């Protein structure tokens, strides 16, 4: 089995045998100056629609870089339909949340304003870049959608039918998460994590009253918001997500 390229890039263009992909300036800089690639270097590319393909760097000028698609590597696969709703936190921690949630397979990231949210703005473009980098590194075939920050009540007011909302209830009103998740049917779901100071009592009362909400607890210890995200998503993937599948065997690079 052929060894896949070590370099991996997300692209927006359609992928097919022989397709030519002019790269954006940032991606060209990354390949040629950060990773020290050269003409002829192979790169794995994916776009979230057409699977993963092998591509080759064409002879380049000072700034322009073009990839030529040469062969398929992996077909597009169905991934979990799992949303993450989270209250924006300080920059280093929100970056961590987006990176790790992407690695853990979320399909959409929804920042939501709550009563105790400390941050006043969210840079969705920067978060989208972090999600792309994490998707490239983790070898997933899609990049999660990063949505514009909205008030939590507005998001919940038009909640889609058939998608349970797993609410991390730090007030002690939720069932043990493993127990609750094991009883949910397969299909779409979402996880809601509150701000650093927790949900206001009125918010928790309103959340517990929602027919589609599933309040859960994460054990006896108080967790930071970013730790709670990792714990909840890991439970979701292990109990009802794609961690239950046998992992695909990827050919490893030959040892030196």
C-alpha atoms as a PDB file:
ATOM      1  CA  UNK A   1       0.000   0.000   0.000  1.00  0.00           C
ATOM      2  CA  UNK A   2       1.334   3.407  -0.955  1.00  0.00           C
ATOM      3  CA  UNK A   3       2.359   5.710   1.858  1.00  0.00           C
ATOM      4  CA  UNK A   4       0.151   8.847   1.945  1.00  0.00           C
ATOM      5  CA  UNK A   5       1.854  12.246   1.721  1.00  0.00           C
ATOM      6  CA  UNK A   6       2.985  13.766   5.004  1.00  0.00           C
ATOM      7  CA  UNK A   7       1.658  17.208   4.037  1.00  0.00           C
ATOM      8  CA  UNK A   8      -2.090  17.743   4.067  1.00  0.00           C
ATOM      9  CA  UNK A   9      -4.204  20.706   2.943  1.00  0.00           C
ATOM     10  CA  UNK A  10      -7.856  21.679   2.960  1.00  0.00           C
ATOM     11  CA  UNK A  11      -8.983  23.254  -0.321  1.00  0.00           C
ATOM     12  CA  UNK A  12     -12.338  24.581  -1.458  1.00  0.00           C
ATOM     13  CA  UNK A  13     -12.057  23.595  -5.130  1.00  0.00           C
ATOM     14  CA  UNK A  14     -13.582  20.396  -6.519  1.00  0.00           C
ATOM     15  CA  UNK A  15     -11.234  17.412  -6.617  1.00  0.00           C
ATOM     16  CA  UNK A  16     -10.850  15.015  -9.534  1.00  0.00           C
ATOM     17  CA  UNK A  17      -8.055  13.267 -11.385  1.00  0.00           C
ATOM     18  CA  UNK A  18      -5.960  15.840 -13.260  1.00  0.00           C
ATOM     19  CA  UNK A  19      -7.548  18.885 -11.630  1.00  0.00           C
ATOM     20  CA  UNK A  20      -5.306  21.948 -11.271  1.00  0.00           C
ATOM     21  CA  UNK A  21      -5.481  23.793  -7.945  1.00  0.00           C
ATOM     22  CA  UNK A  22      -3.914  27.271  -7.698  1.00  0.00           C
ATOM     23  CA  UNK A  23      -3.264  27.859  -4.006  1.00  0.00           C
ATOM     24  CA  UNK A  24      -4.029  30.941  -1.969  1.00  0.00           C
ATOM     25  CA  UNK A  25      -1.025  33.014  -0.891  1.00  0.00           C
ATOM     26  CA  UNK A  26      -1.190  31.766   2.708  1.00  0.00           C
ATOM     27  CA  UNK A  27      -1.217  28.119   1.693  1.00  0.00           C
ATOM     28  CA  UNK A  28       1.578  28.646  -0.835  1.00  0.00           C
ATOM     29  CA  UNK A  29       3.686  30.314   1.880  1.00  0.00           C
ATOM     30  CA  UNK A  30       2.980  27.459   4.279  1.00  0.00           C
ATOM     31  CA  UNK A  31       4.070  24.786   1.800  1.00  0.00           C
ATOM     32  CA  UNK A  32       7.130  26.461   0.341  1.00  0.00           C
ATOM     33  CA  UNK A  33       8.513  28.490   3.244  1.00  0.00           C
ATOM     34  CA  UNK A  34       7.222  26.846   6.430  1.00  0.00           C
ATOM     35  CA  UNK A  35       7.309  23.198   5.356  1.00  0.00           C
ATOM     36  CA  UNK A  36      10.151  23.716   2.843  1.00  0.00           C
ATOM     37  CA  UNK A  37       8.353  21.785   0.098  1.00  0.00           C
ATOM     38  CA  UNK A  38       9.560  21.886  -3.505  1.00  0.00           C
ATOM     39  CA  UNK A  39       8.262  21.194  -6.985  1.00  0.00           C
ATOM     40  CA  UNK A  40       7.300  17.529  -7.182  1.00  0.00           C
ATOM     41  CA  UNK A  41       6.462  17.222  -3.477  1.00  0.00           C
ATOM     42  CA  UNK A  42       3.236  15.296  -2.908  1.00  0.00           C
ATOM     43  CA  UNK A  43       0.414  16.712  -0.788  1.00  0.00           C
ATOM     44  CA  UNK A  44      -2.841  15.132   0.414  1.00  0.00           C
ATOM     45  CA  UNK A  45      -5.823  17.416  -0.268  1.00  0.00           C
ATOM     46  CA  UNK A  46      -9.473  17.292   0.819  1.00  0.00           C
ATOM     47  CA  UNK A  47     -12.491  19.587   0.543  1.00  0.00           C
ATOM     48  CA  UNK A  48     -15.175  17.937   2.666  1.00  0.00           C
ATOM     49  CA  UNK A  49     -17.049  16.670  -0.399  1.00  0.00           C
ATOM     50  CA  UNK A  50     -14.859  14.606  -2.719  1.00  0.00           C
ATOM     51  CA  UNK A  51     -12.767  12.533  -0.331  1.00  0.00           C
ATOM     52  CA  UNK A  52      -9.005  12.808  -0.003  1.00  0.00           C
ATOM     53  CA  UNK A  53      -6.691  12.944  -3.020  1.00  0.00           C
ATOM     54  CA  UNK A  54      -2.994  12.813  -3.746  1.00  0.00           C
ATOM     55  CA  UNK A  55      -1.648  15.947  -5.445  1.00  0.00           C
ATOM     56  CA  UNK A  56       1.743  17.146  -6.661  1.00  0.00           C
ATOM     57  CA  UNK A  57       3.326  20.579  -6.472  1.00  0.00           C
ATOM     58  CA  UNK A  58       3.978  21.910  -9.959  1.00  0.00           C
ATOM     59  CA  UNK A  59       7.071  24.017 -10.764  1.00  0.00           C
ATOM     60  CA  UNK A  60       6.468  27.335  -9.056  1.00  0.00           C
ATOM     61  CA  UNK A  61       7.352  30.984  -9.390  1.00  0.00           C
ATOM     62  CA  UNK A  62       8.358  33.252  -6.532  1.00  0.00           C
ATOM     63  CA  UNK A  63       4.862  33.341  -5.029  1.00  0.00           C
ATOM     64  CA  UNK A  64       2.486  31.207  -7.127  1.00  0.00           C
ATOM     65  CA  UNK A  65       1.974  27.542  -6.287  1.00  0.00           C
ATOM     66  CA  UNK A  66      -0.275  25.114  -8.151  1.00  0.00           C
ATOM     67  CA  UNK A  67      -1.187  21.562  -7.196  1.00  0.00           C
ATOM     68  CA  UNK A  68      -2.136  18.920  -9.747  1.00  0.00           C
ATOM     69  CA  UNK A  69      -4.429  16.174  -8.454  1.00  0.00           C
ATOM     70  CA  UNK A  70      -3.100  12.747  -9.385  1.00  0.00           C
ATOM     71  CA  UNK A  71      -4.977   9.941  -7.584  1.00  0.00           C
ATOM     72  CA  UNK A  72      -7.629   9.249  -4.925  1.00  0.00           C
ATOM     73  CA  UNK A  73      -6.521   8.317  -1.410  1.00  0.00           C
ATOM     74  CA  UNK A  74      -9.773   7.934   0.570  1.00  0.00           C
ATOM     75  CA  UNK A  75     -13.456   8.200  -0.391  1.00  0.00           C
ATOM     76  CA  UNK A  76     -15.676  10.693   1.383  1.00  0.00           C
ATOM     77  CA  UNK A  77     -17.138   9.126   4.525  1.00  0.00           C
ATOM     78  CA  UNK A  78     -20.184   9.957   6.625  1.00  0.00           C
ATOM     79  CA  UNK A  79     -19.138  11.720   9.838  1.00  0.00           C
ATOM     80  CA  UNK A  80     -21.124  12.325  13.047  1.00  0.00           C
ATOM     81  CA  UNK A  81     -23.677  15.143  12.950  1.00  0.00           C
ATOM     82  CA  UNK A  82     -22.645  16.602  16.297  1.00  0.00           C
ATOM     83  CA  UNK A  83     -22.884  20.325  17.084  1.00  0.00           C
ATOM     84  CA  UNK A  84     -21.065  22.136  19.874  1.00  0.00           C
ATOM     85  CA  UNK A  85     -22.703  25.192  21.432  1.00  0.00           C
ATOM     86  CA  UNK A  86     -20.353  27.042  23.752  1.00  0.00           C
ATOM     87  CA  UNK A  87     -20.143  30.388  25.513  1.00  0.00           C
ATOM     88  CA  UNK A  88     -17.100  32.335  24.253  1.00  0.00           C
ATOM     89  CA  UNK A  89     -14.205  32.331  26.709  1.00  0.00           C
ATOM     90  CA  UNK A  90     -10.800  34.004  26.763  1.00  0.00           C
ATOM     91  CA  UNK A  91      -8.753  33.783  23.573  1.00  0.00           C
ATOM     92  CA  UNK A  92      -6.321  30.989  24.432  1.00  0.00           C
ATOM     93  CA  UNK A  93      -9.119  28.819  25.768  1.00  0.00           C
ATOM     94  CA  UNK A  94     -11.543  29.447  22.910  1.00  0.00           C
ATOM     95  CA  UNK A  95      -8.770  28.527  20.477  1.00  0.00           C
ATOM     96  CA  UNK A  96      -8.241  25.323  22.458  1.00  0.00           C
ATOM     97  CA  UNK A  97     -11.970  24.529  22.392  1.00  0.00           C
ATOM     98  CA  UNK A  98     -12.195  24.945  18.614  1.00  0.00           C
ATOM     99  CA  UNK A  99      -9.035  22.941  17.950  1.00  0.00           C
ATOM    100  CA  UNK A 100      -9.961  20.019  20.199  1.00  0.00           C
ATOM    101  CA  UNK A 101     -13.635  19.964  19.194  1.00  0.00           C
ATOM    102  CA  UNK A 102     -12.506  19.701  15.573  1.00  0.00           C
ATOM    103  CA  UNK A 103     -10.183  16.820  16.437  1.00  0.00           C
ATOM    104  CA  UNK A 104     -13.072  15.149  18.269  1.00  0.00           C
ATOM    105  CA  UNK A 105     -15.277  15.271  15.182  1.00  0.00           C
ATOM    106  CA  UNK A 106     -17.873  18.015  15.689  1.00  0.00           C
ATOM    107  CA  UNK A 107     -19.699  19.078  12.548  1.00  0.00           C
ATOM    108  CA  UNK A 108     -20.590  22.635  13.607  1.00  0.00           C
ATOM    109  CA  UNK A 109     -19.328  25.149  16.176  1.00  0.00           C
ATOM    110  CA  UNK A 110     -21.906  27.607  17.508  1.00  0.00           C
ATOM    111  CA  UNK A 111     -20.710  30.354  19.880  1.00  0.00           C
ATOM    112  CA  UNK A 112     -23.645  31.529  22.034  1.00  0.00           C
ATOM    113  CA  UNK A 113     -24.026  34.531  24.318  1.00  0.00           C
ATOM    114  CA  UNK A 114     -25.259  33.748  27.821  1.00  0.00           C
ATOM    115  CA  UNK A 115     -25.978  35.982  30.805  1.00  0.00           C
ATOM    116  CA  UNK A 116     -22.552  35.387  32.337  1.00  0.00           C
ATOM    117  CA  UNK A 117     -20.458  35.347  29.159  1.00  0.00           C
ATOM    118  CA  UNK A 118     -17.386  37.493  29.793  1.00  0.00           C
ATOM    119  CA  UNK A 119     -16.196  37.984  26.218  1.00  0.00           C
ATOM    120  CA  UNK A 120     -17.928  40.616  24.080  1.00  0.00           C
ATOM    121  CA  UNK A 121     -16.891  39.541  20.585  1.00  0.00           C
ATOM    122  CA  UNK A 122     -15.837  36.484  18.607  1.00  0.00           C
ATOM    123  CA  UNK A 123     -13.493  36.432  15.619  1.00  0.00           C
ATOM    124  CA  UNK A 124     -15.217  33.734  13.543  1.00  0.00           C
ATOM    125  CA  UNK A 125     -12.649  34.026  10.743  1.00  0.00           C
ATOM    126  CA  UNK A 126      -9.782  33.217  13.109  1.00  0.00           C
ATOM    127  CA  UNK A 127     -11.708  30.320  14.626  1.00  0.00           C
ATOM    128  CA  UNK A 128     -12.423  28.962  11.139  1.00  0.00           C
ATOM    129  CA  UNK A 129      -8.686  29.024  10.386  1.00  0.00           C
ATOM    130  CA  UNK A 130      -7.997  27.099  13.599  1.00  0.00           C
ATOM    131  CA  UNK A 131     -10.642  24.537  12.636  1.00  0.00           C
ATOM    132  CA  UNK A 132      -9.051  24.059   9.207  1.00  0.00           C
ATOM    133  CA  UNK A 133      -5.593  23.520  10.721  1.00  0.00           C
ATOM    134  CA  UNK A 134      -6.998  21.018  13.211  1.00  0.00           C
ATOM    135  CA  UNK A 135      -8.849  19.138  10.468  1.00  0.00           C
ATOM    136  CA  UNK A 136      -5.666  18.940   8.395  1.00  0.00           C
ATOM    137  CA  UNK A 137      -3.683  17.638  11.366  1.00  0.00           C
ATOM    138  CA  UNK A 138      -6.270  15.118  12.558  1.00  0.00           C
ATOM    139  CA  UNK A 139      -6.828  13.587   9.095  1.00  0.00           C
ATOM    140  CA  UNK A 140     -10.579  14.092   9.145  1.00  0.00           C
ATOM    141  CA  UNK A 141     -12.245  14.564   5.770  1.00  0.00           C
ATOM    142  CA  UNK A 142     -14.342  17.608   6.659  1.00  0.00           C
ATOM    143  CA  UNK A 143     -13.944  20.942   8.420  1.00  0.00           C
ATOM    144  CA  UNK A 144     -16.615  21.933  10.959  1.00  0.00           C
ATOM    145  CA  UNK A 145     -18.765  24.932  10.141  1.00  0.00           C
ATOM    146  CA  UNK A 146     -18.059  27.929  12.393  1.00  0.00           C
ATOM    147  CA  UNK A 147     -21.247  29.949  12.786  1.00  0.00           C
ATOM    148  CA  UNK A 148     -21.632  33.549  13.841  1.00  0.00           C
ATOM    149  CA  UNK A 149     -22.106  34.111  17.576  1.00  0.00           C
ATOM    150  CA  UNK A 150     -25.769  34.500  18.589  1.00  0.00           C
ATOM    151  CA  UNK A 151     -27.758  34.899  21.765  1.00  0.00           C
ATOM    152  CA  UNK A 152     -28.457  31.479  23.261  1.00  0.00           C
ATOM    153  CA  UNK A 153     -32.189  32.130  23.566  1.00  0.00           C
ATOM    154  CA  UNK A 154     -32.388  33.002  19.857  1.00  0.00           C
ATOM    155  CA  UNK A 155     -30.556  29.816  18.876  1.00  0.00           C
ATOM    156  CA  UNK A 156     -32.853  27.683  21.014  1.00  0.00           C
ATOM    157  CA  UNK A 157     -35.997  29.442  19.782  1.00  0.00           C
ATOM    158  CA  UNK A 158     -35.621  27.936  16.311  1.00  0.00           C
ATOM    159  CA  UNK A 159     -34.057  24.636  17.349  1.00  0.00           C
ATOM    160  CA  UNK A 160     -34.352  21.894  14.682  1.00  0.00           C
ATOM    161  CA  UNK A 161     -36.641  18.967  15.437  1.00  0.00           C
ATOM    162  CA  UNK A 162     -34.984  15.636  16.051  1.00  0.00           C
ATOM    163  CA  UNK A 163     -31.711  16.981  17.481  1.00  0.00           C
ATOM    164  CA  UNK A 164     -31.379  16.408  21.251  1.00  0.00           C
ATOM    165  CA  UNK A 165     -29.448  19.074  23.138  1.00  0.00           C
ATOM    166  CA  UNK A 166     -27.078  17.608  25.719  1.00  0.00           C
ATOM    167  CA  UNK A 167     -26.842  20.341  28.368  1.00  0.00           C
ATOM    168  CA  UNK A 168     -23.878  20.275  30.745  1.00  0.00           C
ATOM    169  CA  UNK A 169     -25.770  21.088  33.923  1.00  0.00           C
ATOM    170  CA  UNK A 170     -23.279  22.241  36.525  1.00  0.00           C
ATOM    171  CA  UNK A 171     -26.155  22.870  38.934  1.00  0.00           C
ATOM    172  CA  UNK A 172     -26.490  19.187  39.721  1.00  0.00           C
ATOM    173  CA  UNK A 173     -29.800  18.717  37.914  1.00  0.00           C
ATOM    174  CA  UNK A 174     -28.562  16.310  35.274  1.00  0.00           C
ATOM    175  CA  UNK A 175     -28.199  12.552  35.045  1.00  0.00           C
ATOM    176  CA  UNK A 176     -24.753  10.943  34.743  1.00  0.00           C
ATOM    177  CA  UNK A 177     -23.657  11.613  31.177  1.00  0.00           C
ATOM    178  CA  UNK A 178     -22.890   8.003  30.246  1.00  0.00           C
ATOM    179  CA  UNK A 179     -26.304   6.870  31.449  1.00  0.00           C
ATOM    180  CA  UNK A 180     -28.150   9.617  29.584  1.00  0.00           C
ATOM    181  CA  UNK A 181     -26.214   9.201  26.331  1.00  0.00           C
ATOM    182  CA  UNK A 182     -26.719   5.450  26.238  1.00  0.00           C
ATOM    183  CA  UNK A 183     -30.497   6.004  26.051  1.00  0.00           C
ATOM    184  CA  UNK A 184     -30.441   8.529  23.211  1.00  0.00           C
ATOM    185  CA  UNK A 185     -31.276   7.244  19.721  1.00  0.00           C
ATOM    186  CA  UNK A 186     -28.660   7.339  17.000  1.00  0.00           C
ATOM    187  CA  UNK A 187     -28.623  10.452  14.847  1.00  0.00           C
ATOM    188  CA  UNK A 188     -27.973  14.188  15.133  1.00  0.00           C
ATOM    189  CA  UNK A 189     -27.173  15.704  18.519  1.00  0.00           C
ATOM    190  CA  UNK A 190     -25.670  18.815  20.092  1.00  0.00           C
ATOM    191  CA  UNK A 191     -23.713  19.611  23.248  1.00  0.00           C
ATOM    192  CA  UNK A 192     -24.152  22.879  25.158  1.00  0.00           C
ATOM    193  CA  UNK A 193     -21.392  24.146  27.465  1.00  0.00           C
ATOM    194  CA  UNK A 194     -21.882  27.258  29.569  1.00  0.00           C
ATOM    195  CA  UNK A 195     -19.512  30.140  30.367  1.00  0.00           C
ATOM    196  CA  UNK A 196     -16.664  30.217  32.869  1.00  0.00           C
ATOM    197  CA  UNK A 197     -19.016  31.342  35.641  1.00  0.00           C
ATOM    198  CA  UNK A 198     -21.682  28.785  34.767  1.00  0.00           C
ATOM    199  CA  UNK A 199     -25.236  29.335  33.608  1.00  0.00           C
ATOM    200  CA  UNK A 200     -27.478  31.720  35.520  1.00  0.00           C
ATOM    201  CA  UNK A 201     -30.205  29.962  37.533  1.00  0.00           C
ATOM    202  CA  UNK A 202     -32.896  31.347  35.247  1.00  0.00           C
ATOM    203  CA  UNK A 203     -31.051  29.944  32.226  1.00  0.00           C
ATOM    204  CA  UNK A 204     -30.728  26.504  33.788  1.00  0.00           C
ATOM    205  CA  UNK A 205     -34.414  26.504  34.716  1.00  0.00           C
ATOM    206  CA  UNK A 206     -35.336  27.427  31.132  1.00  0.00           C
ATOM    207  CA  UNK A 207     -33.008  24.820  29.662  1.00  0.00           C
ATOM    208  CA  UNK A 208     -34.357  22.051  31.879  1.00  0.00           C
ATOM    209  CA  UNK A 209     -37.871  22.879  30.709  1.00  0.00           C
ATOM    210  CA  UNK A 210     -37.075  22.373  27.014  1.00  0.00           C
ATOM    211  CA  UNK A 211     -38.520  19.172  25.557  1.00  0.00           C
ATOM    212  CA  UNK A 212     -35.398  18.512  23.486  1.00  0.00           C
ATOM    213  CA  UNK A 213     -32.878  19.226  26.283  1.00  0.00           C
ATOM    214  CA  UNK A 214     -31.033  16.398  28.045  1.00  0.00           C
ATOM    215  CA  UNK A 215     -29.383  17.780  31.214  1.00  0.00           C
ATOM    216  CA  UNK A 216     -26.306  15.774  32.193  1.00  0.00           C
ATOM    217  CA  UNK A 217     -23.615  15.890  34.843  1.00  0.00           C
ATOM    218  CA  UNK A 218     -19.865  15.364  34.475  1.00  0.00           C
ATOM    219  CA  UNK A 219     -19.097  13.914  37.864  1.00  0.00           C
ATOM    220  CA  UNK A 220     -18.228  15.316  41.285  1.00  0.00           C
ATOM    221  CA  UNK A 221     -15.472  17.768  40.269  1.00  0.00           C
ATOM    222  CA  UNK A 222     -15.808  21.301  38.935  1.00  0.00           C
ATOM    223  CA  UNK A 223     -14.371  21.476  35.427  1.00  0.00           C
ATOM    224  CA  UNK A 224     -13.228  24.471  33.426  1.00  0.00           C
ATOM    225  CA  UNK A 225     -15.368  25.171  30.378  1.00  0.00           C
ATOM    226  CA  UNK A 226     -12.707  23.909  27.967  1.00  0.00           C
ATOM    227  CA  UNK A 227     -12.161  20.732  30.012  1.00  0.00           C
ATOM    228  CA  UNK A 228     -15.919  20.132  30.093  1.00  0.00           C
ATOM    229  CA  UNK A 229     -16.039  20.392  26.290  1.00  0.00           C
ATOM    230  CA  UNK A 230     -13.419  17.669  25.882  1.00  0.00           C
ATOM    231  CA  UNK A 231     -15.043  15.409  28.465  1.00  0.00           C
ATOM    232  CA  UNK A 232     -18.522  15.701  26.977  1.00  0.00           C
ATOM    233  CA  UNK A 233     -17.454  15.264  23.362  1.00  0.00           C
ATOM    234  CA  UNK A 234     -15.298  12.268  24.241  1.00  0.00           C
ATOM    235  CA  UNK A 235     -18.280  10.653  25.972  1.00  0.00           C
ATOM    236  CA  UNK A 236     -20.522  11.373  22.981  1.00  0.00           C
ATOM    237  CA  UNK A 237     -18.094   9.835  20.519  1.00  0.00           C
ATOM    238  CA  UNK A 238     -17.384   6.805  22.708  1.00  0.00           C
ATOM    239  CA  UNK A 239     -21.012   6.005  23.545  1.00  0.00           C
ATOM    240  CA  UNK A 240     -22.969   7.021  20.445  1.00  0.00           C
ATOM    241  CA  UNK A 241     -20.459   8.373  17.908  1.00  0.00           C
ATOM    242  CA  UNK A 242     -17.729   7.159  15.590  1.00  0.00           C
ATOM    243  CA  UNK A 243     -15.389   5.931  18.340  1.00  0.00           C
ATOM    244  CA  UNK A 244     -17.490   2.758  18.253  1.00  0.00           C
ATOM    245  CA  UNK A 245     -16.210   2.017  14.738  1.00  0.00           C
ATOM    246  CA  UNK A 246     -13.086   0.071  13.937  1.00  0.00           C
ATOM    247  CA  UNK A 247     -10.510   2.717  12.951  1.00  0.00           C
ATOM    248  CA  UNK A 248      -9.285   2.619   9.376  1.00  0.00           C
ATOM    249  CA  UNK A 249      -5.693   1.457   9.051  1.00  0.00           C
ATOM    250  CA  UNK A 250      -3.590   4.140   7.433  1.00  0.00           C
ATOM    251  CA  UNK A 251      -0.252   3.109   5.922  1.00  0.00           C
ATOM    252  CA  UNK A 252       2.594   4.493   8.001  1.00  0.00           C
ATOM    253  CA  UNK A 253       5.631   6.308   6.717  1.00  0.00           C
ATOM    254  CA  UNK A 254       8.677   4.091   6.322  1.00  0.00           C
ATOM    255  CA  UNK A 255      11.125   4.303   9.218  1.00  0.00           C
ATOM    256  CA  UNK A 256      14.508   5.847   8.653  1.00  0.00           C
END
